[in-house]
C-alpha cells in the first residue's frame, strides 16, 4: 500500500487581479470626421480607439497598456514584411483600435473576442494582437463577458462534487449514454483499493463488465511504468503507486473520487512486448472507451509526467493585465480586464489521432483542461466555470464527422461490408484512388498492401470521380492474428480487370514533378501524377510502369481518365506507386509550352478521350 496526497491548490477562485488602469487608456477618441469607422471583416464593433499621439504621450507617462502597444508595434515593424512602415514620430497619422466580436448565447449578447488593430487613417487594418478578457464577479460587464478570474484546483472536493453530479445525472436520465450492448471488455483492468490515505493497485483480469474509468492522455515518450513480460506477474500483486508518472497517479486519484474502483490505462493494461496481445487489444480500443463508465481526458498535459489535477490560473501569476471601461448593452458602465492570449491555446491532446478517437468514441468524458473542468456526453456539453472556448468544443468539426463512426467491427456487422486492410469492399474501386498529400519517405516495413493508404506514413485525401471503369473480381487479405480481424495484415491482394497502358515517366528539371510520355509515339501527354512516396525502389522512371484506368473520360467536364500508377517486376503482380489524372485544362508540358489555340485544344482533347483506346483489357493482381 502506498500513501498518496492530492495535488496542490487552494480551491479559491476569488483572487483579486492587479491590473493597470489610467486616464490615458481609459478614454476612447474619435478618429474620422464622422466619428465612425467600418470595422474589419468578421468583427462587430469598436470597443476603444486612440490617436497615435495619445498612445505615445500615454506611454511616456507610464501608461502600461500603451507601452505594451508601442512595444508590439515596434516588434511588428521589424518582423513583418507585410506591415507597412510606421513612423512613430508621425503620431497623428495612425490610430490604435480595440475591436470586438460577439454573439447571442442563452438569450443574451456576449462578447466573443477582442483584437487590437492599428491602421493609417482611412487605410488598411493590421492586426497587432488578439487578447483574452474577463470581468470580475459583480461588475456590470459580467453579464456580457463570460470569462472570470480563476485560481482553482481541479483536484478539489468542489470540482469532483460537480463531476459526480454530472455522472449521476447522466447515468440516471440519458438513455443515449448507456453502455453499448455486446461491447468487448478489456483483457485486464487496474483494481484500486484505498485504505484511508493510501492506495493498493493490482492488475487483474476483466471477466465481468464492472464500471471502470479509462484514461486518455499523451504519452510524451516511452513510459517508465508499463506492463511487460518481466513485470506482469509482479503487477498482478502490486503496482508501485509512487513509481507512476504524475498523470497516471492523478488518474488513480480521480477514479476513486468518482466512486469507481477500476481503471484502464493502456501502458499498464496491455502487455507492451506481446505483439499478439497488443494487436488484439488495440483492435478493441473503440469498445474499451465506449464501454468505460467515464473517460478521464488529461487535456492539459503534453506528457505523462505533467499531471492534470494541479492548480489552474487565469490570468497566470505575474501576467500583464489591463483594465478598460466597457459600455454595456444595457446602458451600465462596467470594466473588463485584458491580458495576452495564451491560457486557452490548443490543448496538447487535441493534436493526437489516438486521443481524438478516444474522445469521440467515449460516451462520457471529463476533460481536465488548461481553462476549466469540462463535461461532455452524448447529450450535453457543460463547463464547470470559466469561459467556453468560443462557445463550442474545440474538436467540434472533427467530432461531427467522427461521431457518425462506430467501431469497425460494429460497422461491418451492421452493413455486411468487408474490411480490407483499411478500405471497405463496397467502396471499390473508387476507394483505391486515395491521394498522398505530398510524396512521403519510402514505405516502412511491410504494414499493408500497396493499394491501401495504411501502407504509407503520410496524410492522404479522398479522390472523387464518377464513371468508374475498373472491375473488381475478388480479393484475398491475410490478417496477422485471427483474434484481431481489423488489425495488422501480412498480405493483401485485389484481383481486377481493366485497361492497362504501358508508360514511360520522365521528370521535369524545372518543376521536379513527374510527367508521363507514351513509349510509342514519343509525344508529351498532359498527365498529372501524385506519387505515393519518394521511393527509390519503386520509382516508375526506373521500372516497367503502367497506368491502370479506374475512371472514364468525362467529356462534359473535360476530366479523366484517372487511375493508378503501377509497377511490376513479373508482369503478374502489380504494386501501386501513385495516382494519375489526365487533364489538359490550363496546364503546361515539361518544356513550358502552353496549350494554345482552339484547334490545338481540340486536338489534345481528342488525345485525352482516346488515351486508353486500343489498350488491352487485362486481369491483374494488385499487391
Foldseek 3Di string as FASTA:
>chain_A
DFFDDFADFDQDFQDDDDAFDDPLQQDADAQDPVSADDDDPPFDGWFGKDFLVSLVVVVVVPRPVSVVQVVLVVVCQVPDPPDDDDDSVPRRFKMKTWTWHWDDDPRDIATQWIWIWMDGVVGDIDTRATWDKAADPPFPNCVHYFFYWGKRFCLDLVNLVVVLVVLVCCVVPPPVLDQDPPADEQQWWWFWDDDVRDIWIAIGGDDDLFAEEEEQEAALDDAPDAAAPVCNVVRRGTDPLVSFAQAVNLVSSSCVSSVHGIYDYPRHSFHPPPVQRVQLNVLSLLSHQSSHSEYEYQQQDLHSNPHQRYIATVPDPPFHKHKYWGQDPVRDIGIMIITHDDLPDGTNSVVDPVSVSSVLSHQWYFYRHSFFTWIDGPPDTDTPGGDDNSPDDPCVVVNVVCNVDGRPVVVCVVPVWDDAQADIPVCPPQLLAKFFPAAAAPFDPQFHFQSHPVRHDGDIHGDDDDAWDKAWDDKDWAAPDPSNRRGTTDYIKTKIKFFKAWWAWDAQPVPRAIFIAHPPPGDGFQKHKGFRHPDPVFDCNVFGKIFTFTHAQDPVVQWDRKGFIWGDDPVAEIGTGTIMIGHLPADATSVGDHQDDPVSVVVNSVCRNCVRPPTDTDIHMYD
